[in-house]
């Protein structure tokens, strides 16, 4: 339970304030107006706090759900990793990858990653300023 929910906030309502006597000086009226503005700001802040607390609860629920999903996915990945461990690497190295779907996927992925690695290396080399390659004259 939030602290502001334990407090009696009825004093924030201007209707609950004592009435100003008719002979109140201008200074008193100014103070009353100033307090009215502060009261309205406090009401807005209390509403924002309540909204943030609701959002916090919603985010906690979402975090818990996502945490459970991550656990489920990691468990599934662990299970699939043990299934992939049964892949016959001898056939893969011997060039018989086309006979096994898993091996074909692995070979295609490895080839793609190697190609991307080469492309990144060329990009990095092209991005280095030329004056770094030249020797001081």
N, C-alpha and C. Protein backbone atom coordinates (compact mmCIF):
# COMPACT_ATOMS: atom_id res chain seq x y z
N UNK A 1 0.84 -1.18 0.00
CA UNK A 1 0.00 0.00 0.00
C UNK A 1 0.89 1.24 0.00
N UNK A 2 0.56 2.19 -0.83
CA UNK A 2 1.36 3.39 -0.96
C UNK A 2 1.14 4.33 0.22
N UNK A 3 2.12 5.16 0.46
CA UNK A 3 2.05 6.09 1.58
C UNK A 3 0.90 7.06 1.40
N UNK A 4 0.71 7.56 0.18
CA UNK A 4 -0.35 8.55 -0.02
C UNK A 4 -1.74 7.95 0.18
N UNK A 5 -1.87 6.65 0.08
CA UNK A 5 -3.18 6.03 0.30
C UNK A 5 -3.48 5.92 1.79
N UNK A 6 -2.46 5.99 2.63
CA UNK A 6 -2.67 5.94 4.07
C UNK A 6 -3.00 7.31 4.63
N UNK A 7 -2.76 8.35 3.87
CA UNK A 7 -3.01 9.72 4.33
C UNK A 7 -4.42 10.15 3.96
N UNK A 8 -4.97 11.04 4.78
CA UNK A 8 -6.26 11.64 4.46
C UNK A 8 -6.01 12.84 3.56
N UNK A 9 -6.36 12.71 2.30
CA UNK A 9 -6.08 13.77 1.33
C UNK A 9 -7.30 14.65 1.06
N UNK A 10 -8.29 14.59 1.92
CA UNK A 10 -9.49 15.40 1.70
C UNK A 10 -9.19 16.90 1.82
N UNK A 11 -8.10 17.25 2.52
CA UNK A 11 -7.74 18.67 2.65
C UNK A 11 -7.36 19.28 1.31
N UNK A 12 -7.07 18.45 0.31
CA UNK A 12 -6.71 18.97 -1.00
C UNK A 12 -7.91 19.57 -1.73
N UNK A 13 -9.10 19.16 -1.37
CA UNK A 13 -10.30 19.67 -2.03
C UNK A 13 -10.60 21.08 -1.51
N UNK A 14 -10.64 22.04 -2.40
CA UNK A 14 -10.87 23.43 -2.00
C UNK A 14 -12.23 23.60 -1.33
N UNK A 15 -13.17 22.74 -1.67
CA UNK A 15 -14.49 22.83 -1.05
C UNK A 15 -14.43 22.53 0.44
N UNK A 16 -13.42 21.80 0.89
CA UNK A 16 -13.28 21.47 2.30
C UNK A 16 -12.52 22.54 3.09
N UNK A 17 -12.07 23.56 2.44
CA UNK A 17 -11.30 24.61 3.12
C UNK A 17 -12.25 25.54 3.87
N UNK A 18 -11.75 26.17 4.92
CA UNK A 18 -12.60 27.16 5.61
C UNK A 18 -12.84 28.37 4.70
N UNK A 19 -13.99 28.97 4.83
CA UNK A 19 -14.34 30.13 3.99
C UNK A 19 -13.59 31.37 4.47
N UNK A 20 -13.23 32.19 3.52
CA UNK A 20 -12.58 33.45 3.85
C UNK A 20 -13.64 34.46 4.31
N UNK A 21 -13.35 35.16 5.37
CA UNK A 21 -14.29 36.22 5.77
C UNK A 21 -14.35 37.30 4.70
N UNK A 22 -15.45 38.01 4.63
CA UNK A 22 -15.62 39.02 3.58
C UNK A 22 -14.65 40.18 3.76
N UNK A 23 -14.17 40.41 4.96
CA UNK A 23 -13.26 41.53 5.21
C UNK A 23 -11.79 41.12 5.03
N UNK A 24 -11.54 39.99 4.37
CA UNK A 24 -10.17 39.51 4.20
C UNK A 24 -9.39 40.46 3.30
N UNK A 25 -8.17 40.73 3.70
CA UNK A 25 -7.32 41.64 2.93
C UNK A 25 -6.87 40.95 1.64
N UNK A 26 -6.32 41.77 0.76
CA UNK A 26 -5.84 41.27 -0.53
C UNK A 26 -4.75 40.21 -0.35
N UNK A 27 -3.91 40.39 0.66
CA UNK A 27 -2.84 39.43 0.92
C UNK A 27 -3.43 38.07 1.26
N UNK A 28 -4.45 38.04 2.07
CA UNK A 28 -5.11 36.78 2.43
C UNK A 28 -5.72 36.10 1.23
N UNK A 29 -6.33 36.90 0.35
CA UNK A 29 -6.92 36.33 -0.86
C UNK A 29 -5.83 35.77 -1.79
N UNK A 30 -4.71 36.47 -1.85
CA UNK A 30 -3.59 35.98 -2.67
C UNK A 30 -3.07 34.65 -2.12
N UNK A 31 -2.95 34.58 -0.77
CA UNK A 31 -2.52 33.32 -0.17
C UNK A 31 -3.51 32.20 -0.47
N UNK A 32 -4.78 32.54 -0.42
CA UNK A 32 -5.82 31.54 -0.70
C UNK A 32 -5.68 31.03 -2.13
N UNK A 33 -5.49 31.94 -3.08
CA UNK A 33 -5.32 31.54 -4.48
C UNK A 33 -4.06 30.71 -4.67
N UNK A 34 -2.99 31.12 -4.00
CA UNK A 34 -1.72 30.40 -4.09
C UNK A 34 -1.88 28.98 -3.54
N UNK A 35 -2.55 28.86 -2.40
CA UNK A 35 -2.79 27.54 -1.81
C UNK A 35 -3.71 26.70 -2.70
N UNK A 36 -4.64 27.35 -3.36
CA UNK A 36 -5.53 26.64 -4.29
C UNK A 36 -4.73 26.03 -5.44
N UNK A 37 -3.78 26.80 -5.97
CA UNK A 37 -2.94 26.28 -7.06
C UNK A 37 -2.06 25.14 -6.58
N UNK A 38 -1.49 25.28 -5.38
CA UNK A 38 -0.67 24.20 -4.82
C UNK A 38 -1.51 22.95 -4.61
N UNK A 39 -2.74 23.15 -4.14
CA UNK A 39 -3.64 22.01 -3.91
C UNK A 39 -3.93 21.28 -5.21
N UNK A 40 -4.18 22.03 -6.27
CA UNK A 40 -4.45 21.40 -7.57
C UNK A 40 -3.23 20.64 -8.07
N UNK A 41 -2.04 21.21 -7.86
CA UNK A 41 -0.80 20.51 -8.24
C UNK A 41 -0.66 19.22 -7.46
N UNK A 42 -0.97 19.26 -6.17
CA UNK A 42 -0.89 18.06 -5.34
C UNK A 42 -1.86 16.99 -5.84
N UNK A 43 -3.07 17.41 -6.23
CA UNK A 43 -4.04 16.45 -6.75
C UNK A 43 -3.51 15.78 -8.02
N UNK A 44 -2.91 16.58 -8.89
CA UNK A 44 -2.34 16.03 -10.12
C UNK A 44 -1.21 15.06 -9.79
N UNK A 45 -0.36 15.43 -8.84
CA UNK A 45 0.74 14.54 -8.44
C UNK A 45 0.23 13.24 -7.85
N UNK A 46 -0.82 13.31 -7.04
CA UNK A 46 -1.40 12.09 -6.46
C UNK A 46 -1.94 11.20 -7.57
N UNK A 47 -2.60 11.79 -8.56
CA UNK A 47 -3.11 11.00 -9.69
C UNK A 47 -1.97 10.37 -10.47
N UNK A 48 -0.89 11.11 -10.67
CA UNK A 48 0.27 10.57 -11.39
C UNK A 48 0.90 9.42 -10.61
N UNK A 49 0.97 9.56 -9.29
CA UNK A 49 1.52 8.49 -8.46
C UNK A 49 0.67 7.24 -8.60
N UNK A 50 -0.64 7.40 -8.54
CA UNK A 50 -1.53 6.24 -8.69
C UNK A 50 -1.36 5.60 -10.06
N UNK A 51 -1.25 6.41 -11.10
CA UNK A 51 -1.04 5.88 -12.45
C UNK A 51 0.27 5.13 -12.54
N UNK A 52 1.33 5.70 -11.97
CA UNK A 52 2.64 5.04 -12.00
C UNK A 52 2.63 3.74 -11.20
N UNK A 53 1.90 3.70 -10.09
CA UNK A 53 1.82 2.46 -9.32
C UNK A 53 1.09 1.38 -10.11
N UNK A 54 0.02 1.76 -10.81
CA UNK A 54 -0.68 0.78 -11.65
C UNK A 54 0.24 0.30 -12.78
N UNK A 55 0.97 1.23 -13.38
CA UNK A 55 1.90 0.87 -14.46
C UNK A 55 3.01 -0.03 -13.93
N UNK A 56 3.47 0.25 -12.72
CA UNK A 56 4.51 -0.57 -12.09
C UNK A 56 4.01 -2.00 -11.89
N UNK A 57 2.79 -2.14 -11.41
CA UNK A 57 2.21 -3.48 -11.24
C UNK A 57 2.09 -4.19 -12.58
N UNK A 58 1.65 -3.45 -13.59
CA UNK A 58 1.53 -4.03 -14.93
C UNK A 58 2.90 -4.47 -15.45
N UNK A 59 3.92 -3.65 -15.23
CA UNK A 59 5.26 -4.00 -15.68
C UNK A 59 5.81 -5.20 -14.92
N UNK A 60 5.49 -5.30 -13.63
CA UNK A 60 5.93 -6.47 -12.87
C UNK A 60 5.31 -7.74 -13.44
N UNK A 61 4.02 -7.66 -13.77
CA UNK A 61 3.34 -8.80 -14.36
C UNK A 61 3.98 -9.16 -15.70
N UNK A 62 4.24 -8.15 -16.52
CA UNK A 62 4.87 -8.39 -17.82
C UNK A 62 6.27 -8.98 -17.65
N UNK A 63 7.02 -8.45 -16.69
CA UNK A 63 8.37 -8.97 -16.43
C UNK A 63 8.32 -10.42 -16.00
N UNK A 64 7.38 -10.76 -15.13
CA UNK A 64 7.25 -12.15 -14.70
C UNK A 64 6.90 -13.05 -15.88
N UNK A 65 5.97 -12.59 -16.72
CA UNK A 65 5.58 -13.37 -17.88
C UNK A 65 6.76 -13.57 -18.83
N UNK A 66 7.50 -12.49 -19.10
CA UNK A 66 8.65 -12.60 -19.99
C UNK A 66 9.74 -13.48 -19.40
N UNK A 67 9.91 -13.40 -18.09
CA UNK A 67 10.91 -14.25 -17.44
C UNK A 67 10.55 -15.72 -17.60
N UNK A 68 9.26 -16.02 -17.46
CA UNK A 68 8.82 -17.41 -17.64
C UNK A 68 9.02 -17.86 -19.09
N UNK A 69 8.75 -16.94 -20.03
CA UNK A 69 8.95 -17.27 -21.44
C UNK A 69 10.43 -17.52 -21.75
N UNK A 70 11.30 -16.71 -21.17
CA UNK A 70 12.74 -16.91 -21.38
C UNK A 70 13.17 -18.25 -20.82
N UNK A 71 12.66 -18.59 -19.64
CA UNK A 71 12.99 -19.89 -19.06
C UNK A 71 12.52 -21.02 -19.96
N UNK A 72 11.30 -20.87 -20.51
CA UNK A 72 10.75 -21.89 -21.39
C UNK A 72 11.59 -22.02 -22.66
N UNK A 73 11.95 -20.88 -23.25
CA UNK A 73 12.74 -20.90 -24.48
C UNK A 73 14.12 -21.48 -24.23
N UNK A 74 14.74 -21.11 -23.12
CA UNK A 74 16.08 -21.66 -22.84
C UNK A 74 16.01 -23.15 -22.59
N UNK A 75 14.93 -23.62 -21.95
CA UNK A 75 14.75 -25.05 -21.74
C UNK A 75 14.56 -25.75 -23.09
N UNK A 76 13.77 -25.14 -23.97
CA UNK A 76 13.55 -25.70 -25.31
C UNK A 76 14.87 -25.72 -26.09
N UNK A 77 15.65 -24.64 -25.98
CA UNK A 77 16.94 -24.60 -26.68
C UNK A 77 17.89 -25.66 -26.14
N UNK A 78 17.86 -25.88 -24.83
CA UNK A 78 18.71 -26.92 -24.25
C UNK A 78 18.32 -28.30 -24.79
N UNK A 79 17.00 -28.52 -24.91
CA UNK A 79 16.53 -29.80 -25.42
C UNK A 79 16.91 -29.96 -26.89
N UNK A 80 16.76 -28.88 -27.68
CA UNK A 80 17.10 -28.99 -29.10
C UNK A 80 18.60 -29.13 -29.29
N UNK A 81 19.39 -28.56 -28.37
CA UNK A 81 20.84 -28.70 -28.46
C UNK A 81 21.25 -30.15 -28.26
N UNK A 82 20.57 -30.84 -27.36
CA UNK A 82 20.90 -32.25 -27.15
C UNK A 82 20.45 -33.07 -28.35
N UNK A 83 19.35 -32.66 -29.00
CA UNK A 83 18.90 -33.37 -30.20
C UNK A 83 19.89 -33.14 -31.34
N UNK A 84 20.43 -31.92 -31.46
CA UNK A 84 21.39 -31.62 -32.52
C UNK A 84 22.73 -32.29 -32.28
N UNK A 85 22.99 -32.67 -31.05
CA UNK A 85 24.25 -33.32 -30.74
C UNK A 85 24.34 -34.69 -31.41
N UNK A 86 23.19 -35.25 -31.78
CA UNK A 86 23.19 -36.55 -32.43
C UNK A 86 23.54 -36.46 -33.92
N UNK A 87 23.82 -35.27 -34.41
CA UNK A 87 24.18 -35.07 -35.81
C UNK A 87 25.50 -35.78 -36.10
N UNK A 88 25.54 -36.48 -37.20
CA UNK A 88 26.74 -37.24 -37.57
C UNK A 88 27.72 -36.31 -38.28
N UNK A 89 28.74 -35.88 -37.57
CA UNK A 89 29.71 -34.94 -38.11
C UNK A 89 30.59 -35.58 -39.17
N UNK A 90 30.75 -36.88 -39.11
CA UNK A 90 31.56 -37.56 -40.13
C UNK A 90 30.93 -37.39 -41.50
N UNK A 91 29.61 -37.52 -41.59
CA UNK A 91 28.91 -37.32 -42.87
C UNK A 91 29.02 -35.87 -43.33
N UNK A 92 28.98 -34.97 -42.37
CA UNK A 92 29.07 -33.55 -42.69
C UNK A 92 30.44 -33.23 -43.31
N UNK A 93 31.49 -33.73 -42.69
CA UNK A 93 32.85 -33.47 -43.18
C UNK A 93 33.10 -34.20 -44.49
N UNK A 94 32.50 -35.38 -44.65
CA UNK A 94 32.71 -36.17 -45.86
C UNK A 94 31.98 -35.58 -47.07
N UNK A 95 31.15 -34.56 -46.85
CA UNK A 95 30.46 -33.94 -47.97
C UNK A 95 29.08 -34.51 -48.21
N UNK A 96 28.56 -35.28 -47.29
CA UNK A 96 27.23 -35.86 -47.44
C UNK A 96 26.18 -35.01 -46.73
N UNK A 97 26.41 -33.72 -46.65
CA UNK A 97 25.50 -32.83 -45.93
C UNK A 97 24.13 -32.76 -46.60
N UNK A 98 24.09 -32.92 -47.90
CA UNK A 98 22.83 -32.80 -48.62
C UNK A 98 21.83 -33.90 -48.23
N UNK A 99 22.30 -34.98 -47.61
CA UNK A 99 21.41 -36.08 -47.23
C UNK A 99 20.74 -35.81 -45.88
N UNK A 100 21.26 -34.89 -45.11
CA UNK A 100 20.71 -34.61 -43.79
C UNK A 100 20.28 -33.14 -43.76
N UNK A 101 19.01 -32.92 -43.44
CA UNK A 101 18.47 -31.56 -43.46
C UNK A 101 19.18 -30.67 -42.44
N UNK A 102 19.44 -31.19 -41.24
CA UNK A 102 20.11 -30.39 -40.21
C UNK A 102 21.52 -30.01 -40.68
N UNK A 103 22.19 -30.94 -41.28
CA UNK A 103 23.55 -30.67 -41.75
C UNK A 103 23.54 -29.62 -42.85
N UNK A 104 22.55 -29.67 -43.74
CA UNK A 104 22.45 -28.69 -44.82
C UNK A 104 22.23 -27.29 -44.25
N UNK A 105 21.39 -27.20 -43.23
CA UNK A 105 21.14 -25.90 -42.60
C UNK A 105 22.41 -25.38 -41.94
N UNK A 106 23.12 -26.27 -41.27
CA UNK A 106 24.37 -25.87 -40.60
C UNK A 106 25.38 -25.37 -41.62
N UNK A 107 25.54 -26.09 -42.71
CA UNK A 107 26.50 -25.69 -43.74
C UNK A 107 26.13 -24.35 -44.35
N UNK A 108 24.85 -24.15 -44.62
CA UNK A 108 24.41 -22.88 -45.20
C UNK A 108 24.65 -21.73 -44.22
N UNK A 109 24.37 -21.96 -42.95
CA UNK A 109 24.59 -20.93 -41.94
C UNK A 109 26.06 -20.59 -41.80
N UNK A 110 26.90 -21.60 -41.76
CA UNK A 110 28.35 -21.37 -41.65
C UNK A 110 28.85 -20.59 -42.86
N UNK A 111 28.41 -20.97 -44.05
CA UNK A 111 28.85 -20.27 -45.26
C UNK A 111 28.40 -18.81 -45.24
N UNK A 112 27.17 -18.57 -44.83
CA UNK A 112 26.65 -17.20 -44.76
C UNK A 112 27.44 -16.38 -43.76
N UNK A 113 27.70 -16.94 -42.58
CA UNK A 113 28.45 -16.21 -41.55
C UNK A 113 29.87 -15.91 -42.00
N UNK A 114 30.51 -16.85 -42.67
CA UNK A 114 31.87 -16.60 -43.17
C UNK A 114 31.87 -15.49 -44.22
N UNK A 115 30.86 -15.49 -45.10
CA UNK A 115 30.76 -14.45 -46.11
C UNK A 115 30.53 -13.09 -45.45
N UNK A 116 29.67 -13.05 -44.45
CA UNK A 116 29.41 -11.79 -43.75
C UNK A 116 30.65 -11.30 -43.01
N UNK A 117 31.40 -12.24 -42.45
CA UNK A 117 32.64 -11.86 -41.75
C UNK A 117 33.61 -11.20 -42.72
N UNK A 118 33.75 -11.77 -43.91
CA UNK A 118 34.64 -11.18 -44.91
C UNK A 118 34.14 -9.80 -45.34
N UNK A 119 32.83 -9.65 -45.51
CA UNK A 119 32.27 -8.36 -45.90
C UNK A 119 32.52 -7.31 -44.82
N UNK A 120 32.34 -7.70 -43.55
CA UNK A 120 32.59 -6.76 -42.46
C UNK A 120 34.06 -6.36 -42.41
N UNK A 121 34.95 -7.31 -42.63
CA UNK A 121 36.38 -7.00 -42.62
C UNK A 121 36.72 -6.02 -43.73
N UNK A 122 36.15 -6.19 -44.91
CA UNK A 122 36.41 -5.28 -46.02
C UNK A 122 35.83 -3.90 -45.73
N UNK A 123 34.68 -3.87 -45.09
CA UNK A 123 34.05 -2.60 -44.75
C UNK A 123 34.91 -1.84 -43.75
N UNK A 124 35.44 -2.54 -42.77
CA UNK A 124 36.28 -1.90 -41.77
C UNK A 124 37.55 -1.36 -42.41
N UNK A 125 38.16 -2.14 -43.28
CA UNK A 125 39.38 -1.69 -43.95
C UNK A 125 39.09 -0.46 -44.80
N UNK A 126 37.96 -0.44 -45.49
CA UNK A 126 37.61 0.69 -46.34
C UNK A 126 37.31 1.93 -45.50
N UNK A 127 36.91 1.76 -44.26
CA UNK A 127 36.55 2.89 -43.42
C UNK A 127 37.74 3.52 -42.71
N UNK A 128 38.89 2.86 -42.70
CA UNK A 128 40.08 3.40 -42.04
C UNK A 128 40.68 4.47 -42.94
N UNK A 129 41.01 5.65 -42.39
CA UNK A 129 41.58 6.73 -43.22
C UNK A 129 42.88 6.30 -43.89
N UNK A 130 43.09 6.80 -45.10
CA UNK A 130 44.24 6.42 -45.91
C UNK A 130 45.54 6.86 -45.25
N UNK A 131 45.55 8.01 -44.57
CA UNK A 131 46.79 8.51 -44.00
C UNK A 131 47.34 7.59 -42.91
N UNK A 132 46.56 6.67 -42.40
CA UNK A 132 47.06 5.71 -41.43
C UNK A 132 47.89 4.63 -42.10
N UNK A 133 47.66 4.41 -43.39
CA UNK A 133 48.42 3.40 -44.12
C UNK A 133 49.78 3.93 -44.59
N UNK A 134 49.86 5.23 -44.82
CA UNK A 134 51.09 5.82 -45.35
C UNK A 134 52.12 5.95 -44.24
N UNK A 135 53.34 5.70 -44.60
CA UNK A 135 54.43 5.89 -43.65
C UNK A 135 54.80 7.36 -43.62
N UNK A 136 55.31 7.80 -42.47
CA UNK A 136 55.73 9.21 -42.35
C UNK A 136 56.89 9.48 -43.30
N UNK A 137 56.81 10.56 -44.03
CA UNK A 137 57.85 10.90 -45.01
C UNK A 137 58.78 11.94 -44.47
